[in-house]
Amino acid sequence: MNKKLAMCLALFSGIAFTQSLQAASFSCDAAKTKTEKSICKNRSLNDADVKMATTYQIVLHALPMGGRDNQKDAQQQWLKKRNACAAGVSCIAKAYQQRQKQLDTILQDRVLSHGPF
C-alpha cells in the first residue's frame, strides 16, 4: 500500500470505526426506498455503503471549495443511479464499486499527491 494512503487511512480510522458501529451511513429505521432497505438487509452492501461514505467525507474535507461542490454534485448524481437499482443487490453492489473506485482515485491523485503528508 502506498505510504501516503496508509497514513491518510490511519488518520481517519476513527471515523470509519465509528461509522461501522451503525448500520449503513444512514438510519436503517428511516430507510424508505427499496435500495436503502436492501442495503440495510445485506451486510456486504452495508459495508460498502459505510466505506464509500467514509471515503466521500475524507475527499470532501481534503478538497478545495470548488472541488467540494463538484463532488457534492457527483454524489447526488451517483445516488440517483444507485437508487435506480431498486432492490437489485448486484446492481447496487456494482454502483458502490464504481463510486468507490472514483473516490479512491480522487483521494490518491488529487488529495494525497498534493497533501501535507
N, C-alpha and C. Protein backbone atom coordinates (compact mmCIF):
# COMPACT_ATOMS: atom_id res chain seq x y z
N MET A 1 0.85 -1.18 0.00
CA MET A 1 0.00 0.00 0.00
C MET A 1 0.89 1.24 0.00
N ASN A 2 0.48 2.22 -0.73
CA ASN A 2 1.18 3.50 -0.79
C ASN A 2 1.28 4.08 0.62
N LYS A 3 2.47 4.57 0.97
CA LYS A 3 2.71 5.09 2.32
C LYS A 3 1.79 6.26 2.64
N LYS A 4 1.58 7.17 1.68
CA LYS A 4 0.70 8.31 1.91
C LYS A 4 -0.74 7.85 2.15
N LEU A 5 -1.18 6.90 1.35
CA LEU A 5 -2.53 6.39 1.50
C LEU A 5 -2.70 5.72 2.86
N ALA A 6 -1.71 4.94 3.26
CA ALA A 6 -1.76 4.27 4.56
C ALA A 6 -1.84 5.29 5.70
N MET A 7 -1.08 6.37 5.59
CA MET A 7 -1.10 7.40 6.63
C MET A 7 -2.47 8.07 6.70
N CYS A 8 -3.02 8.38 5.54
CA CYS A 8 -4.32 9.05 5.49
C CYS A 8 -5.40 8.14 6.08
N LEU A 9 -5.38 6.88 5.69
CA LEU A 9 -6.37 5.95 6.20
C LEU A 9 -6.23 5.76 7.70
N ALA A 10 -5.01 5.77 8.19
CA ALA A 10 -4.79 5.64 9.64
C ALA A 10 -5.37 6.85 10.37
N LEU A 11 -5.20 8.04 9.79
CA LEU A 11 -5.71 9.26 10.41
C LEU A 11 -7.23 9.24 10.53
N PHE A 12 -7.87 8.65 9.57
CA PHE A 12 -9.33 8.66 9.55
C PHE A 12 -9.94 7.34 9.99
N SER A 13 -9.16 6.47 10.56
CA SER A 13 -9.69 5.18 11.01
C SER A 13 -10.74 5.35 12.09
N GLY A 14 -10.61 6.39 12.88
CA GLY A 14 -11.62 6.67 13.91
C GLY A 14 -12.98 6.93 13.31
N ILE A 15 -13.02 7.64 12.19
CA ILE A 15 -14.28 7.89 11.50
C ILE A 15 -14.87 6.58 11.02
N ALA A 16 -14.04 5.78 10.38
CA ALA A 16 -14.52 4.50 9.84
C ALA A 16 -15.00 3.59 10.95
N PHE A 17 -14.28 3.53 12.07
CA PHE A 17 -14.68 2.68 13.18
C PHE A 17 -16.02 3.13 13.74
N THR A 18 -16.18 4.43 13.90
CA THR A 18 -17.43 4.96 14.43
C THR A 18 -18.59 4.63 13.51
N GLN A 19 -18.39 4.80 12.19
CA GLN A 19 -19.47 4.52 11.27
C GLN A 19 -19.76 3.04 11.16
N SER A 20 -18.76 2.18 11.39
CA SER A 20 -19.01 0.76 11.27
C SER A 20 -19.85 0.24 12.43
N LEU A 21 -20.02 1.01 13.48
CA LEU A 21 -20.84 0.60 14.60
C LEU A 21 -22.33 0.77 14.31
N GLN A 22 -22.66 1.52 13.28
CA GLN A 22 -24.05 1.70 12.93
C GLN A 22 -24.36 0.97 11.63
N ALA A 23 -25.60 0.78 11.35
CA ALA A 23 -25.99 0.14 10.10
C ALA A 23 -26.00 1.18 9.00
N ALA A 24 -25.20 0.97 8.02
CA ALA A 24 -25.09 1.87 6.87
C ALA A 24 -24.70 3.28 7.30
N SER A 25 -24.62 4.18 6.33
CA SER A 25 -24.25 5.56 6.63
C SER A 25 -25.50 6.41 6.88
N PHE A 26 -26.63 5.75 6.93
CA PHE A 26 -27.91 6.41 7.17
C PHE A 26 -28.69 5.55 8.14
N SER A 27 -29.75 6.07 8.66
CA SER A 27 -30.57 5.33 9.62
C SER A 27 -31.41 4.28 8.90
N CYS A 28 -31.17 3.03 9.22
CA CYS A 28 -31.98 1.96 8.62
C CYS A 28 -33.42 2.01 9.12
N ASP A 29 -33.64 2.58 10.29
CA ASP A 29 -35.01 2.75 10.79
C ASP A 29 -35.80 3.71 9.91
N ALA A 30 -35.09 4.62 9.26
CA ALA A 30 -35.75 5.61 8.40
C ALA A 30 -35.65 5.25 6.92
N ALA A 31 -35.13 4.07 6.60
CA ALA A 31 -34.98 3.65 5.20
C ALA A 31 -36.34 3.63 4.53
N LYS A 32 -36.43 4.31 3.39
CA LYS A 32 -37.71 4.42 2.69
C LYS A 32 -37.69 3.71 1.33
N THR A 33 -36.59 3.85 0.62
CA THR A 33 -36.54 3.29 -0.73
C THR A 33 -36.19 1.81 -0.69
N LYS A 34 -36.50 1.12 -1.78
CA LYS A 34 -36.15 -0.29 -1.90
C LYS A 34 -34.63 -0.46 -1.82
N THR A 35 -33.91 0.49 -2.39
CA THR A 35 -32.44 0.43 -2.37
C THR A 35 -31.93 0.53 -0.94
N GLU A 36 -32.41 1.50 -0.19
CA GLU A 36 -31.97 1.66 1.20
C GLU A 36 -32.31 0.42 2.03
N LYS A 37 -33.48 -0.13 1.83
CA LYS A 37 -33.87 -1.33 2.57
C LYS A 37 -32.98 -2.51 2.21
N SER A 38 -32.60 -2.63 0.94
CA SER A 38 -31.69 -3.70 0.52
C SER A 38 -30.32 -3.53 1.16
N ILE A 39 -29.84 -2.29 1.22
CA ILE A 39 -28.54 -2.01 1.84
C ILE A 39 -28.58 -2.42 3.31
N CYS A 40 -29.66 -2.11 3.99
CA CYS A 40 -29.77 -2.44 5.41
C CYS A 40 -29.87 -3.95 5.65
N LYS A 41 -30.44 -4.68 4.71
CA LYS A 41 -30.61 -6.13 4.87
C LYS A 41 -29.38 -6.93 4.46
N ASN A 42 -28.50 -6.33 3.66
CA ASN A 42 -27.37 -7.07 3.10
C ASN A 42 -26.06 -6.54 3.68
N ARG A 43 -25.35 -7.39 4.41
CA ARG A 43 -24.14 -6.96 5.12
C ARG A 43 -23.07 -6.42 4.17
N SER A 44 -22.87 -7.05 3.02
CA SER A 44 -21.82 -6.56 2.11
C SER A 44 -22.19 -5.20 1.53
N LEU A 45 -23.47 -4.98 1.25
CA LEU A 45 -23.89 -3.66 0.77
C LEU A 45 -23.76 -2.62 1.88
N ASN A 46 -24.12 -3.02 3.08
CA ASN A 46 -23.98 -2.15 4.25
C ASN A 46 -22.52 -1.73 4.41
N ASP A 47 -21.62 -2.71 4.35
CA ASP A 47 -20.19 -2.41 4.49
C ASP A 47 -19.69 -1.51 3.36
N ALA A 48 -20.15 -1.76 2.14
CA ALA A 48 -19.75 -0.93 1.00
C ALA A 48 -20.25 0.50 1.19
N ASP A 49 -21.46 0.65 1.73
CA ASP A 49 -22.02 1.97 1.98
C ASP A 49 -21.20 2.74 3.01
N VAL A 50 -20.84 2.08 4.09
CA VAL A 50 -20.04 2.73 5.14
C VAL A 50 -18.67 3.13 4.59
N LYS A 51 -18.03 2.23 3.85
CA LYS A 51 -16.71 2.53 3.29
C LYS A 51 -16.78 3.70 2.32
N MET A 52 -17.77 3.68 1.42
CA MET A 52 -17.91 4.75 0.44
C MET A 52 -18.20 6.07 1.13
N ALA A 53 -19.11 6.07 2.12
CA ALA A 53 -19.46 7.30 2.82
C ALA A 53 -18.26 7.88 3.57
N THR A 54 -17.45 7.01 4.15
CA THR A 54 -16.25 7.46 4.86
C THR A 54 -15.26 8.07 3.89
N THR A 55 -15.02 7.39 2.77
CA THR A 55 -14.09 7.92 1.76
C THR A 55 -14.61 9.23 1.21
N TYR A 56 -15.89 9.31 0.95
CA TYR A 56 -16.50 10.54 0.44
C TYR A 56 -16.27 11.71 1.41
N GLN A 57 -16.45 11.49 2.70
CA GLN A 57 -16.23 12.54 3.69
C GLN A 57 -14.76 12.97 3.73
N ILE A 58 -13.85 12.02 3.63
CA ILE A 58 -12.42 12.34 3.60
C ILE A 58 -12.11 13.21 2.39
N VAL A 59 -12.62 12.80 1.23
CA VAL A 59 -12.39 13.57 -0.01
C VAL A 59 -12.96 14.97 0.13
N LEU A 60 -14.20 15.09 0.63
CA LEU A 60 -14.81 16.42 0.77
C LEU A 60 -13.99 17.34 1.66
N HIS A 61 -13.48 16.81 2.76
CA HIS A 61 -12.71 17.64 3.69
C HIS A 61 -11.34 17.99 3.15
N ALA A 62 -10.84 17.21 2.23
CA ALA A 62 -9.48 17.44 1.73
C ALA A 62 -9.44 18.29 0.46
N LEU A 63 -10.55 18.40 -0.24
CA LEU A 63 -10.56 19.17 -1.49
C LEU A 63 -10.82 20.65 -1.23
N PRO A 64 -10.33 21.52 -2.14
CA PRO A 64 -10.67 22.94 -2.03
C PRO A 64 -12.15 23.14 -2.36
N MET A 65 -12.66 24.32 -2.07
CA MET A 65 -14.09 24.62 -2.22
C MET A 65 -14.69 24.20 -3.56
N GLY A 66 -14.10 24.58 -4.67
CA GLY A 66 -14.63 24.22 -5.98
C GLY A 66 -14.72 22.72 -6.18
N GLY A 67 -13.72 22.02 -5.70
CA GLY A 67 -13.71 20.57 -5.80
C GLY A 67 -14.79 19.93 -4.94
N ARG A 68 -15.06 20.53 -3.81
CA ARG A 68 -16.12 20.02 -2.93
C ARG A 68 -17.47 20.11 -3.61
N ASP A 69 -17.74 21.27 -4.21
CA ASP A 69 -19.01 21.45 -4.90
C ASP A 69 -19.17 20.44 -6.02
N ASN A 70 -18.10 20.23 -6.77
CA ASN A 70 -18.15 19.24 -7.86
C ASN A 70 -18.43 17.85 -7.33
N GLN A 71 -17.81 17.50 -6.22
CA GLN A 71 -18.02 16.16 -5.65
C GLN A 71 -19.43 16.02 -5.06
N LYS A 72 -19.95 17.08 -4.50
CA LYS A 72 -21.33 17.01 -3.99
C LYS A 72 -22.30 16.77 -5.14
N ASP A 73 -22.07 17.45 -6.26
CA ASP A 73 -22.91 17.23 -7.44
C ASP A 73 -22.75 15.79 -7.95
N ALA A 74 -21.51 15.33 -8.01
CA ALA A 74 -21.25 13.96 -8.47
C ALA A 74 -21.91 12.94 -7.55
N GLN A 75 -21.89 13.19 -6.25
CA GLN A 75 -22.51 12.28 -5.29
C GLN A 75 -24.02 12.23 -5.47
N GLN A 76 -24.63 13.37 -5.72
CA GLN A 76 -26.08 13.40 -5.96
C GLN A 76 -26.44 12.61 -7.22
N GLN A 77 -25.65 12.77 -8.27
CA GLN A 77 -25.89 12.01 -9.50
C GLN A 77 -25.70 10.51 -9.24
N TRP A 78 -24.68 10.17 -8.47
CA TRP A 78 -24.44 8.76 -8.15
C TRP A 78 -25.59 8.18 -7.34
N LEU A 79 -26.10 8.93 -6.37
CA LEU A 79 -27.23 8.46 -5.56
C LEU A 79 -28.45 8.16 -6.43
N LYS A 80 -28.70 8.99 -7.43
CA LYS A 80 -29.81 8.73 -8.36
C LYS A 80 -29.58 7.43 -9.11
N LYS A 81 -28.35 7.22 -9.55
CA LYS A 81 -28.00 5.99 -10.27
C LYS A 81 -28.16 4.78 -9.34
N ARG A 82 -27.64 4.89 -8.13
CA ARG A 82 -27.75 3.79 -7.16
C ARG A 82 -29.20 3.48 -6.86
N ASN A 83 -30.00 4.51 -6.63
CA ASN A 83 -31.40 4.31 -6.28
C ASN A 83 -32.23 3.74 -7.43
N ALA A 84 -31.76 3.93 -8.65
CA ALA A 84 -32.44 3.35 -9.80
C ALA A 84 -32.32 1.83 -9.81
N CYS A 85 -31.43 1.29 -9.02
CA CYS A 85 -31.26 -0.17 -8.92
C CYS A 85 -32.43 -0.82 -8.18
N ALA A 86 -33.22 -0.03 -7.48
CA ALA A 86 -34.30 -0.54 -6.63
C ALA A 86 -33.72 -1.56 -5.66
N ALA A 87 -34.23 -2.79 -5.65
CA ALA A 87 -33.76 -3.80 -4.70
C ALA A 87 -32.71 -4.73 -5.32
N GLY A 88 -32.22 -4.42 -6.49
CA GLY A 88 -31.25 -5.28 -7.18
C GLY A 88 -29.89 -5.26 -6.51
N VAL A 89 -29.59 -6.29 -5.77
CA VAL A 89 -28.35 -6.35 -4.98
C VAL A 89 -27.12 -6.24 -5.87
N SER A 90 -27.07 -6.96 -6.98
CA SER A 90 -25.87 -6.90 -7.83
C SER A 90 -25.72 -5.52 -8.47
N CYS A 91 -26.81 -4.89 -8.82
CA CYS A 91 -26.77 -3.53 -9.38
C CYS A 91 -26.26 -2.53 -8.33
N ILE A 92 -26.77 -2.65 -7.12
CA ILE A 92 -26.33 -1.76 -6.03
C ILE A 92 -24.85 -1.98 -5.75
N ALA A 93 -24.44 -3.24 -5.68
CA ALA A 93 -23.03 -3.55 -5.41
C ALA A 93 -22.13 -2.97 -6.49
N LYS A 94 -22.54 -3.07 -7.74
CA LYS A 94 -21.75 -2.53 -8.85
C LYS A 94 -21.66 -1.00 -8.75
N ALA A 95 -22.76 -0.36 -8.38
CA ALA A 95 -22.76 1.10 -8.22
C ALA A 95 -21.77 1.52 -7.13
N TYR A 96 -21.75 0.78 -6.02
CA TYR A 96 -20.80 1.08 -4.95
C TYR A 96 -19.37 0.85 -5.40
N GLN A 97 -19.12 -0.22 -6.11
CA GLN A 97 -17.76 -0.50 -6.59
C GLN A 97 -17.27 0.62 -7.49
N GLN A 98 -18.12 1.08 -8.39
CA GLN A 98 -17.73 2.14 -9.31
C GLN A 98 -17.48 3.46 -8.58
N ARG A 99 -18.36 3.82 -7.66
CA ARG A 99 -18.18 5.08 -6.93
C ARG A 99 -16.96 5.02 -6.02
N GLN A 100 -16.75 3.87 -5.37
CA GLN A 100 -15.58 3.72 -4.51
C GLN A 100 -14.30 3.88 -5.31
N LYS A 101 -14.28 3.31 -6.50
CA LYS A 101 -13.10 3.43 -7.37
C LYS A 101 -12.86 4.90 -7.74
N GLN A 102 -13.93 5.62 -8.07
CA GLN A 102 -13.80 7.05 -8.39
C GLN A 102 -13.24 7.83 -7.20
N LEU A 103 -13.80 7.59 -6.03
CA LEU A 103 -13.35 8.31 -4.83
C LEU A 103 -11.92 7.95 -4.45
N ASP A 104 -11.56 6.68 -4.58
CA ASP A 104 -10.19 6.26 -4.30
C ASP A 104 -9.20 6.95 -5.24
N THR A 105 -9.60 7.08 -6.49
CA THR A 105 -8.74 7.75 -7.48
C THR A 105 -8.57 9.23 -7.12
N ILE A 106 -9.65 9.88 -6.75
CA ILE A 106 -9.58 11.29 -6.33
C ILE A 106 -8.69 11.42 -5.11
N LEU A 107 -8.89 10.54 -4.16
CA LEU A 107 -8.09 10.58 -2.93
C LEU A 107 -6.61 10.42 -3.25
N GLN A 108 -6.28 9.48 -4.11
CA GLN A 108 -4.89 9.22 -4.46
C GLN A 108 -4.29 10.33 -5.33
N ASP A 109 -4.98 10.67 -6.41
CA ASP A 109 -4.42 11.58 -7.41
C ASP A 109 -4.51 13.06 -7.04
N ARG A 110 -5.61 13.46 -6.47
CA ARG A 110 -5.81 14.89 -6.22
C ARG A 110 -5.56 15.31 -4.78
N VAL A 111 -5.64 14.37 -3.86
CA VAL A 111 -5.50 14.74 -2.46
C VAL A 111 -4.15 14.33 -1.92
N LEU A 112 -3.86 13.05 -1.92
CA LEU A 112 -2.63 12.56 -1.31
C LEU A 112 -1.38 13.01 -2.04
N SER A 113 -1.46 13.13 -3.36
CA SER A 113 -0.28 13.55 -4.10
C SER A 113 0.06 15.03 -3.87
N HIS A 114 -0.89 15.80 -3.34
CA HIS A 114 -0.66 17.23 -3.06
C HIS A 114 -0.77 17.57 -1.59
N GLY A 115 -1.08 16.60 -0.78
CA GLY A 115 -1.33 16.85 0.64
C GLY A 115 -0.07 17.12 1.45
N PRO A 116 -0.26 17.38 2.72
CA PRO A 116 0.86 17.71 3.61
C PRO A 116 1.55 16.48 4.19
N PHE A 117 1.37 15.31 3.57
CA PHE A 117 1.90 14.07 4.14
C PHE A 117 3.34 13.86 3.75
